[in-house]
Amino acid sequence: MKKGELIAEFAKRTEMSGAAAGVAVNTIIEIITERLKKGDTVGITGFGTFSVTKRAARKGRNPATGEVIKIAASKSPRFSAGATLKASVNPTKKK
């Protein structure tokens, strides 16, 4: 599902106009993005948690030349699925 399809489905289910649904979906994405930029964690009960992980600087190797290179430290967004989401994707899984 692409973003446009998500907006269309959201509009259909909420009986909103496509433009209003687009604003709502984009606003949710913006809020999550802004919070992650600040280093916060965004948890949606039953759905999952968005967070930022830090990767330390490290040495790597250029596969073409074999030369050792430095890989800079970086941050990466992460999503961890909640229990309700996991259960809906795996409905036959037993505890």
PDB file of N, CA and C in Angstrom:
ATOM      1  N   MET A   1       0.845  -1.168   0.000  1.00  0.00           N
ATOM      2  CA  MET A   1       0.000   0.000   0.000  1.00  0.00           C
ATOM      3  C   MET A   1       0.891   1.233   0.000  1.00  0.00           C
ATOM      4  N   LYS A   2       0.598   2.132  -0.910  1.00  0.00           N
ATOM      5  CA  LYS A   2       1.341   3.381  -0.995  1.00  0.00           C
ATOM      6  C   LYS A   2       0.610   4.467  -0.226  1.00  0.00           C
ATOM      7  N   LYS A   3       1.286   5.581  -0.027  1.00  0.00           N
ATOM      8  CA  LYS A   3       0.720   6.669   0.765  1.00  0.00           C
ATOM      9  C   LYS A   3      -0.620   7.154   0.205  1.00  0.00           C
ATOM     10  N   GLY A   4      -0.725   7.293  -1.104  1.00  0.00           N
ATOM     11  CA  GLY A   4      -1.976   7.728  -1.718  1.00  0.00           C
ATOM     12  C   GLY A   4      -3.111   6.759  -1.459  1.00  0.00           C
ATOM     13  N   GLU A   5      -2.806   5.477  -1.482  1.00  0.00           N
ATOM     14  CA  GLU A   5      -3.815   4.454  -1.189  1.00  0.00           C
ATOM     15  C   GLU A   5      -4.227   4.506   0.280  1.00  0.00           C
ATOM     16  N   LEU A   6      -3.263   4.767   1.162  1.00  0.00           N
ATOM     17  CA  LEU A   6      -3.561   4.899   2.585  1.00  0.00           C
ATOM     18  C   LEU A   6      -4.496   6.088   2.816  1.00  0.00           C
ATOM     19  N   ILE A   7      -4.209   7.201   2.176  1.00  0.00           N
ATOM     20  CA  ILE A   7      -5.052   8.391   2.311  1.00  0.00           C
ATOM     21  C   ILE A   7      -6.463   8.110   1.797  1.00  0.00           C
ATOM     22  N   ALA A   8      -6.569   7.452   0.659  1.00  0.00           N
ATOM     23  CA  ALA A   8      -7.882   7.126   0.094  1.00  0.00           C
ATOM     24  C   ALA A   8      -8.677   6.211   1.028  1.00  0.00           C
ATOM     25  N   GLU A   9      -8.030   5.221   1.610  1.00  0.00           N
ATOM     26  CA  GLU A   9      -8.700   4.300   2.546  1.00  0.00           C
ATOM     27  C   GLU A   9      -9.113   5.035   3.813  1.00  0.00           C
ATOM     28  N   PHE A  10      -8.244   5.911   4.298  1.00  0.00           N
ATOM     29  CA  PHE A  10      -8.550   6.708   5.486  1.00  0.00           C
ATOM     30  C   PHE A  10      -9.770   7.595   5.227  1.00  0.00           C
ATOM     31  N   ALA A  11      -9.802   8.219   4.067  1.00  0.00           N
ATOM     32  CA  ALA A  11     -10.935   9.079   3.695  1.00  0.00           C
ATOM     33  C   ALA A  11     -12.228   8.274   3.629  1.00  0.00           C
ATOM     34  N   LYS A  12     -12.157   7.091   3.055  1.00  0.00           N
ATOM     35  CA  LYS A  12     -13.326   6.231   2.916  1.00  0.00           C
ATOM     36  C   LYS A  12     -13.869   5.800   4.280  1.00  0.00           C
ATOM     37  N   ARG A  13     -12.977   5.360   5.163  1.00  0.00           N
ATOM     38  CA  ARG A  13     -13.404   4.847   6.471  1.00  0.00           C
ATOM     39  C   ARG A  13     -13.914   5.937   7.412  1.00  0.00           C
ATOM     40  N   THR A  14     -13.371   7.143   7.269  1.00  0.00           N
ATOM     41  CA  THR A  14     -13.775   8.226   8.165  1.00  0.00           C
ATOM     42  C   THR A  14     -14.800   9.158   7.530  1.00  0.00           C
ATOM     43  N   GLU A  15     -15.134   8.902   6.285  1.00  0.00           N
ATOM     44  CA  GLU A  15     -16.064   9.736   5.520  1.00  0.00           C
ATOM     45  C   GLU A  15     -15.574  11.181   5.438  1.00  0.00           C
ATOM     46  N   MET A  16     -14.256  11.348   5.374  1.00  0.00           N
ATOM     47  CA  MET A  16     -13.641  12.666   5.194  1.00  0.00           C
ATOM     48  C   MET A  16     -13.402  12.877   3.705  1.00  0.00           C
ATOM     49  N   SER A  17     -13.160  14.119   3.331  1.00  0.00           N
ATOM     50  CA  SER A  17     -12.764  14.372   1.954  1.00  0.00           C
ATOM     51  C   SER A  17     -11.335  13.870   1.782  1.00  0.00           C
ATOM     52  N   GLY A  18     -10.954  13.641   0.546  1.00  0.00           N
ATOM     53  CA  GLY A  18      -9.594  13.175   0.276  1.00  0.00           C
ATOM     54  C   GLY A  18      -8.555  14.179   0.737  1.00  0.00           C
ATOM     55  N   ALA A  19      -8.848  15.462   0.566  1.00  0.00           N
ATOM     56  CA  ALA A  19      -7.909  16.506   0.979  1.00  0.00           C
ATOM     57  C   ALA A  19      -7.749  16.514   2.499  1.00  0.00           C
ATOM     58  N   ALA A  20      -8.859  16.423   3.227  1.00  0.00           N
ATOM     59  CA  ALA A  20      -8.798  16.417   4.693  1.00  0.00           C
ATOM     60  C   ALA A  20      -8.072  15.176   5.203  1.00  0.00           C
ATOM     61  N   ALA A  21      -8.316  14.051   4.580  1.00  0.00           N
ATOM     62  CA  ALA A  21      -7.635  12.813   4.968  1.00  0.00           C
ATOM     63  C   ALA A  21      -6.137  12.935   4.701  1.00  0.00           C
ATOM     64  N   GLY A  22      -5.781  13.546   3.580  1.00  0.00           N
ATOM     65  CA  GLY A  22      -4.370  13.754   3.258  1.00  0.00           C
ATOM     66  C   GLY A  22      -3.679  14.615   4.302  1.00  0.00           C
ATOM     67  N   VAL A  23      -4.367  15.673   4.734  1.00  0.00           N
ATOM     68  CA  VAL A  23      -3.816  16.541   5.770  1.00  0.00           C
ATOM     69  C   VAL A  23      -3.635  15.750   7.070  1.00  0.00           C
ATOM     70  N   ALA A  24      -4.610  14.937   7.437  1.00  0.00           N
ATOM     71  CA  ALA A  24      -4.536  14.154   8.673  1.00  0.00           C
ATOM     72  C   ALA A  24      -3.367  13.166   8.631  1.00  0.00           C
ATOM     73  N   VAL A  25      -3.255  12.419   7.554  1.00  0.00           N
ATOM     74  CA  VAL A  25      -2.178  11.422   7.436  1.00  0.00           C
ATOM     75  C   VAL A  25      -0.821  12.122   7.436  1.00  0.00           C
ATOM     76  N   ASN A  26      -0.689  13.196   6.654  1.00  0.00           N
ATOM     77  CA  ASN A  26       0.582  13.925   6.601  1.00  0.00           C
ATOM     78  C   ASN A  26       0.947  14.521   7.951  1.00  0.00           C
ATOM     79  N   THR A  27      -0.042  14.997   8.701  1.00  0.00           N
ATOM     80  CA  THR A  27       0.212  15.569  10.015  1.00  0.00           C
ATOM     81  C   THR A  27       0.726  14.509  10.975  1.00  0.00           C
ATOM     82  N   ILE A  28       0.135  13.330  10.949  1.00  0.00           N
ATOM     83  CA  ILE A  28       0.598  12.235  11.813  1.00  0.00           C
ATOM     84  C   ILE A  28       2.054  11.891  11.493  1.00  0.00           C
ATOM     85  N   ILE A  29       2.370  11.797  10.211  1.00  0.00           N
ATOM     86  CA  ILE A  29       3.743  11.479   9.789  1.00  0.00           C
ATOM     87  C   ILE A  29       4.703  12.582  10.242  1.00  0.00           C
ATOM     88  N   GLU A  30       4.300  13.847  10.088  1.00  0.00           N
ATOM     89  CA  GLU A  30       5.140  14.974  10.504  1.00  0.00           C
ATOM     90  C   GLU A  30       5.400  14.952  12.006  1.00  0.00           C
ATOM     91  N   ILE A  31       4.364  14.689  12.794  1.00  0.00           N
ATOM     92  CA  ILE A  31       4.514  14.662  14.252  1.00  0.00           C
ATOM     93  C   ILE A  31       5.486  13.564  14.675  1.00  0.00           C
ATOM     94  N   ILE A  32       5.335  12.379  14.115  1.00  0.00           N
ATOM     95  CA  ILE A  32       6.240  11.269  14.446  1.00  0.00           C
ATOM     96  C   ILE A  32       7.666  11.625  14.049  1.00  0.00           C
ATOM     97  N   THR A  33       7.833  12.191  12.855  1.00  0.00           N
ATOM     98  CA  THR A  33       9.161  12.565  12.368  1.00  0.00           C
ATOM     99  C   THR A  33       9.807  13.619  13.272  1.00  0.00           C
ATOM    100  N   GLU A  34       9.055  14.650  13.649  1.00  0.00           N
ATOM    101  CA  GLU A  34       9.583  15.707  14.518  1.00  0.00           C
ATOM    102  C   GLU A  34      10.016  15.148  15.866  1.00  0.00           C
ATOM    103  N   ARG A  35       9.217  14.260  16.440  1.00  0.00           N
ATOM    104  CA  ARG A  35       9.553  13.678  17.735  1.00  0.00           C
ATOM    105  C   ARG A  35      10.810  12.805  17.638  1.00  0.00           C
ATOM    106  N   LEU A  36      10.942  12.042  16.556  1.00  0.00           N
ATOM    107  CA  LEU A  36      12.131  11.217  16.380  1.00  0.00           C
ATOM    108  C   LEU A  36      13.367  12.088  16.192  1.00  0.00           C
ATOM    109  N   LYS A  37      13.245  13.207  15.483  1.00  0.00           N
ATOM    110  CA  LYS A  37      14.371  14.131  15.318  1.00  0.00           C
ATOM    111  C   LYS A  37      14.865  14.637  16.663  1.00  0.00           C
ATOM    112  N   LYS A  38      13.932  14.848  17.616  1.00  0.00           N
ATOM    113  CA  LYS A  38      14.279  15.316  18.952  1.00  0.00           C
ATOM    114  C   LYS A  38      14.864  14.198  19.817  1.00  0.00           C
ATOM    115  N   GLY A  39      14.781  12.971  19.341  1.00  0.00           N
ATOM    116  CA  GLY A  39      15.288  11.834  20.102  1.00  0.00           C
ATOM    117  C   GLY A  39      14.238  11.160  20.960  1.00  0.00           C
ATOM    118  N   ASP A  40      12.983  11.595  20.817  1.00  0.00           N
ATOM    119  CA  ASP A  40      11.896  11.002  21.597  1.00  0.00           C
ATOM    120  C   ASP A  40      11.482   9.655  21.017  1.00  0.00           C
ATOM    121  N   THR A  41      10.725   8.922  21.794  1.00  0.00           N
ATOM    122  CA  THR A  41      10.119   7.672  21.365  1.00  0.00           C
ATOM    123  C   THR A  41       8.625   7.916  21.226  1.00  0.00           C
ATOM    124  N   VAL A  42       8.012   7.375  20.176  1.00  0.00           N
ATOM    125  CA  VAL A  42       6.574   7.519  19.953  1.00  0.00           C
ATOM    126  C   VAL A  42       5.954   6.131  20.036  1.00  0.00           C
ATOM    127  N   GLY A  43       5.118   5.936  21.058  1.00  0.00           N
ATOM    128  CA  GLY A  43       4.471   4.644  21.249  1.00  0.00           C
ATOM    129  C   GLY A  43       2.983   4.739  20.986  1.00  0.00           C
ATOM    130  N   ILE A  44       2.465   3.844  20.186  1.00  0.00           N
ATOM    131  CA  ILE A  44       1.037   3.757  19.912  1.00  0.00           C
ATOM    132  C   ILE A  44       0.585   2.400  20.448  1.00  0.00           C
ATOM    133  N   THR A  45      -0.128   2.439  21.564  1.00  0.00           N
ATOM    134  CA  THR A  45      -0.520   1.220  22.258  1.00  0.00           C
ATOM    135  C   THR A  45      -1.203   0.229  21.318  1.00  0.00           C
ATOM    136  N   GLY A  46      -0.721  -0.999  21.330  1.00  0.00           N
ATOM    137  CA  GLY A  46      -1.281  -2.052  20.498  1.00  0.00           C
ATOM    138  C   GLY A  46      -0.720  -2.090  19.093  1.00  0.00           C
ATOM    139  N   PHE A  47      -0.169  -0.962  18.620  1.00  0.00           N
ATOM    140  CA  PHE A  47       0.375  -0.903  17.258  1.00  0.00           C
ATOM    141  C   PHE A  47       1.879  -1.079  17.260  1.00  0.00           C
ATOM    142  N   GLY A  48       2.576  -0.215  17.994  1.00  0.00           N
ATOM    143  CA  GLY A  48       4.019  -0.347  18.033  1.00  0.00           C
ATOM    144  C   GLY A  48       4.692   0.913  18.528  1.00  0.00           C
ATOM    145  N   THR A  49       6.023   0.889  18.495  1.00  0.00           N
ATOM    146  CA  THR A  49       6.832   1.989  18.995  1.00  0.00           C
ATOM    147  C   THR A  49       7.849   2.403  17.945  1.00  0.00           C
ATOM    148  N   PHE A  50       7.895   3.714  17.699  1.00  0.00           N
ATOM    149  CA  PHE A  50       8.905   4.299  16.828  1.00  0.00           C
ATOM    150  C   PHE A  50       9.999   4.858  17.732  1.00  0.00           C
ATOM    151  N   SER A  51      11.245   4.597  17.405  1.00  0.00           N
ATOM    152  CA  SER A  51      12.355   5.093  18.210  1.00  0.00           C
ATOM    153  C   SER A  51      13.559   5.341  17.296  1.00  0.00           C
ATOM    154  N   VAL A  52      14.615   5.886  17.889  1.00  0.00           N
ATOM    155  CA  VAL A  52      15.853   6.151  17.159  1.00  0.00           C
ATOM    156  C   VAL A  52      16.960   5.342  17.804  1.00  0.00           C
ATOM    157  N   THR A  53      17.718   4.633  16.995  1.00  0.00           N
ATOM    158  CA  THR A  53      18.868   3.888  17.508  1.00  0.00           C
ATOM    159  C   THR A  53      20.138   4.580  17.038  1.00  0.00           C
ATOM    160  N   LYS A  54      21.174   4.491  17.855  1.00  0.00           N
ATOM    161  CA  LYS A  54      22.457   5.106  17.506  1.00  0.00           C
ATOM    162  C   LYS A  54      23.414   4.010  17.066  1.00  0.00           C
ATOM    163  N   ARG A  55      24.098   4.296  15.985  1.00  0.00           N
ATOM    164  CA  ARG A  55      25.128   3.370  15.500  1.00  0.00           C
ATOM    165  C   ARG A  55      26.492   4.018  15.733  1.00  0.00           C
ATOM    166  N   ALA A  56      27.373   3.318  16.376  1.00  0.00           N
ATOM    167  CA  ALA A  56      28.701   3.847  16.660  1.00  0.00           C
ATOM    168  C   ALA A  56      29.538   3.893  15.388  1.00  0.00           C
ATOM    169  N   ALA A  57      30.536   4.755  15.391  1.00  0.00           N
ATOM    170  CA  ALA A  57      31.482   4.789  14.278  1.00  0.00           C
ATOM    171  C   ALA A  57      32.238   3.469  14.260  1.00  0.00           C
ATOM    172  N   ARG A  58      32.577   3.030  13.097  1.00  0.00           N
ATOM    173  CA  ARG A  58      33.270   1.751  12.994  1.00  0.00           C
ATOM    174  C   ARG A  58      34.114   1.713  11.729  1.00  0.00           C
ATOM    175  N   LYS A  59      34.930   0.690  11.630  1.00  0.00           N
ATOM    176  CA  LYS A  59      35.739   0.490  10.434  1.00  0.00           C
ATOM    177  C   LYS A  59      35.033  -0.508   9.540  1.00  0.00           C
ATOM    178  N   GLY A  60      35.108  -0.267   8.249  1.00  0.00           N
ATOM    179  CA  GLY A  60      34.534  -1.176   7.275  1.00  0.00           C
ATOM    180  C   GLY A  60      35.559  -1.469   6.200  1.00  0.00           C
ATOM    181  N   ARG A  61      35.138  -2.197   5.214  1.00  0.00           N
ATOM    182  CA  ARG A  61      36.060  -2.543   4.141  1.00  0.00           C
ATOM    183  C   ARG A  61      35.371  -2.330   2.796  1.00  0.00           C
ATOM    184  N   ASN A  62      36.052  -1.649   1.898  1.00  0.00           N
ATOM    185  CA  ASN A  62      35.550  -1.458   0.545  1.00  0.00           C
ATOM    186  C   ASN A  62      35.625  -2.809  -0.160  1.00  0.00           C
ATOM    187  N   PRO A  63      34.480  -3.379  -0.573  1.00  0.00           N
ATOM    188  CA  PRO A  63      34.510  -4.710  -1.168  1.00  0.00           C
ATOM    189  C   PRO A  63      35.244  -4.770  -2.504  1.00  0.00           C
ATOM    190  N   ALA A  64      35.320  -3.658  -3.201  1.00  0.00           N
ATOM    191  CA  ALA A  64      35.989  -3.661  -4.510  1.00  0.00           C
ATOM    192  C   ALA A  64      37.509  -3.657  -4.370  1.00  0.00           C
ATOM    193  N   THR A  65      38.028  -2.876  -3.402  1.00  0.00           N
ATOM    194  CA  THR A  65      39.478  -2.729  -3.283  1.00  0.00           C
ATOM    195  C   THR A  65      40.057  -3.414  -2.046  1.00  0.00           C
ATOM    196  N   GLY A  66      39.228  -3.707  -1.077  1.00  0.00           N
ATOM    197  CA  GLY A  66      39.706  -4.295   0.162  1.00  0.00           C
ATOM    198  C   GLY A  66      40.250  -3.255   1.128  1.00  0.00           C
ATOM    199  N   GLU A  67      40.204  -1.998   0.729  1.00  0.00           N
ATOM    200  CA  GLU A  67      40.716  -0.908   1.557  1.00  0.00           C
ATOM    201  C   GLU A  67      39.852  -0.719   2.809  1.00  0.00           C
ATOM    202  N   VAL A  68      40.508  -0.466   3.946  1.00  0.00           N
ATOM    203  CA  VAL A  68      39.794  -0.202   5.194  1.00  0.00           C
ATOM    204  C   VAL A  68      39.291   1.240   5.153  1.00  0.00           C
ATOM    205  N   ILE A  69      38.015   1.433   5.494  1.00  0.00           N
ATOM    206  CA  ILE A  69      37.433   2.774   5.492  1.00  0.00           C
ATOM    207  C   ILE A  69      36.754   3.045   6.828  1.00  0.00           C
ATOM    208  N   LYS A  70      36.580   4.321   7.141  1.00  0.00           N
ATOM    209  CA  LYS A  70      35.878   4.706   8.360  1.00  0.00           C
ATOM    210  C   LYS A  70      34.415   4.920   8.021  1.00  0.00           C
ATOM    211  N   ILE A  71      33.545   4.345   8.816  1.00  0.00           N
ATOM    212  CA  ILE A  71      32.107   4.551   8.672  1.00  0.00           C
ATOM    213  C   ILE A  71      31.688   5.429   9.845  1.00  0.00           C
ATOM    214  N   ALA A  72      31.124   6.587   9.543  1.00  0.00           N
ATOM    215  CA  ALA A  72      30.758   7.561  10.572  1.00  0.00           C
ATOM    216  C   ALA A  72      29.610   7.055  11.443  1.00  0.00           C
ATOM    217  N   ALA A  73      29.551   7.591  12.655  1.00  0.00           N
ATOM    218  CA  ALA A  73      28.433   7.290  13.545  1.00  0.00           C
ATOM    219  C   ALA A  73      27.170   7.861  12.926  1.00  0.00           C
ATOM    220  N   SER A  74      26.030   7.216  13.184  1.00  0.00           N
ATOM    221  CA  SER A  74      24.775   7.693  12.613  1.00  0.00           C
ATOM    222  C   SER A  74      23.605   7.293  13.508  1.00  0.00           C
ATOM    223  N   LYS A  75      22.456   7.865  13.198  1.00  0.00           N
ATOM    224  CA  LYS A  75      21.223   7.507  13.881  1.00  0.00           C
ATOM    225  C   LYS A  75      20.297   6.893  12.847  1.00  0.00           C
ATOM    226  N   SER A  76      19.457   5.963  13.309  1.00  0.00           N
ATOM    227  CA  SER A  76      18.556   5.280  12.398  1.00  0.00           C
ATOM    228  C   SER A  76      17.181   5.117  13.048  1.00  0.00           C
ATOM    229  N   PRO A  77      16.098   5.409  12.303  1.00  0.00           N
ATOM    230  CA  PRO A  77      14.771   5.185  12.871  1.00  0.00           C
ATOM    231  C   PRO A  77      14.479   3.690  12.965  1.00  0.00           C
ATOM    232  N   ARG A  78      13.693   3.340  13.977  1.00  0.00           N
ATOM    233  CA  ARG A  78      13.355   1.932  14.191  1.00  0.00           C
ATOM    234  C   ARG A  78      11.880   1.819  14.572  1.00  0.00           C
ATOM    235  N   PHE A  79      11.256   0.735  14.143  1.00  0.00           N
ATOM    236  CA  PHE A  79       9.881   0.457  14.525  1.00  0.00           C
ATOM    237  C   PHE A  79       9.825  -0.922  15.141  1.00  0.00           C
ATOM    238  N   SER A  80       9.201  -1.004  16.314  1.00  0.00           N
ATOM    239  CA  SER A  80       9.017  -2.281  16.988  1.00  0.00           C
ATOM    240  C   SER A  80       7.516  -2.531  17.082  1.00  0.00           C
ATOM    241  N   ALA A  81       7.040  -3.597  16.484  1.00  0.00           N
ATOM    242  CA  ALA A  81       5.609  -3.906  16.464  1.00  0.00           C
ATOM    243  C   ALA A  81       5.100  -4.264  17.851  1.00  0.00           C
ATOM    244  N   GLY A  82       3.888  -3.805  18.159  1.00  0.00           N
ATOM    245  CA  GLY A  82       3.245  -4.108  19.434  1.00  0.00           C
ATOM    246  C   GLY A  82       2.590  -5.480  19.415  1.00  0.00           C
ATOM    247  N   ALA A  83       2.182  -5.933  20.575  1.00  0.00           N
ATOM    248  CA  ALA A  83       1.607  -7.274  20.718  1.00  0.00           C
ATOM    249  C   ALA A  83       0.329  -7.451  19.910  1.00  0.00           C
ATOM    250  N   THR A  84      -0.533  -6.443  19.891  1.00  0.00           N
ATOM    251  CA  THR A  84      -1.790  -6.557  19.149  1.00  0.00           C
ATOM    252  C   THR A  84      -1.534  -6.669  17.651  1.00  0.00           C
ATOM    253  N   LEU A  85      -0.591  -5.871  17.151  1.00  0.00           N
ATOM    254  CA  LEU A  85      -0.247  -5.932  15.722  1.00  0.00           C
ATOM    255  C   LEU A  85       0.359  -7.291  15.377  1.00  0.00           C
ATOM    256  N   LYS A  86       1.249  -7.775  16.208  1.00  0.00           N
ATOM    257  CA  LYS A  86       1.867  -9.086  15.972  1.00  0.00           C
ATOM    258  C   LYS A  86       0.813 -10.189  15.951  1.00  0.00           C
ATOM    259  N   ALA A  87      -0.122 -10.112  16.887  1.00  0.00           N
ATOM    260  CA  ALA A  87      -1.170 -11.141  16.971  1.00  0.00           C
ATOM    261  C   ALA A  87      -2.085 -11.102  15.758  1.00  0.00           C
ATOM    262  N   SER A  88      -2.343  -9.923  15.218  1.00  0.00           N
ATOM    263  CA  SER A  88      -3.222  -9.842  14.050  1.00  0.00           C
ATOM    264  C   SER A  88      -2.536 -10.352  12.782  1.00  0.00           C
ATOM    265  N   VAL A  89      -1.216 -10.248  12.750  1.00  0.00           N
ATOM    266  CA  VAL A  89      -0.470 -10.749  11.593  1.00  0.00           C
ATOM    267  C   VAL A  89      -0.259 -12.259  11.691  1.00  0.00           C
ATOM    268  N   ASN A  90      -0.178 -12.768  12.900  1.00  0.00           N
ATOM    269  CA  ASN A  90       0.010 -14.203  13.158  1.00  0.00           C
ATOM    270  C   ASN A  90      -1.158 -14.725  14.002  1.00  0.00           C
ATOM    271  N   PRO A  91      -2.357 -14.798  13.439  1.00  0.00           N
ATOM    272  CA  PRO A  91      -3.523 -15.144  14.265  1.00  0.00           C
ATOM    273  C   PRO A  91      -3.524 -16.573  14.819  1.00  0.00           C
ATOM    274  N   THR A  92      -2.813 -17.481  14.213  1.00  0.00           N
ATOM    275  CA  THR A  92      -2.826 -18.874  14.674  1.00  0.00           C
ATOM    276  C   THR A  92      -1.707 -19.175  15.669  1.00  0.00           C
ATOM    277  N   LYS A  93      -0.845 -18.201  15.915  1.00  0.00           N
ATOM    278  CA  LYS A  93       0.262 -18.412  16.840  1.00  0.00           C
ATOM    279  C   LYS A  93      -0.269 -18.619  18.253  1.00  0.00           C
ATOM    280  N   LYS A  94       0.225 -19.658  18.911  1.00  0.00           N
ATOM    281  CA  LYS A  94      -0.210 -19.990  20.273  1.00  0.00           C
ATOM    282  C   LYS A  94       0.777 -19.426  21.263  1.00  0.00           C
ATOM    283  N   LYS A  95       0.276 -19.076  22.444  1.00  0.00           N
ATOM    284  CA  LYS A  95       1.152 -18.529  23.497  1.00  0.00           C
ATOM    285  C   LYS A  95       1.819 -19.630  24.253  1.00  0.00           C
TER     286      LYS A  95
END
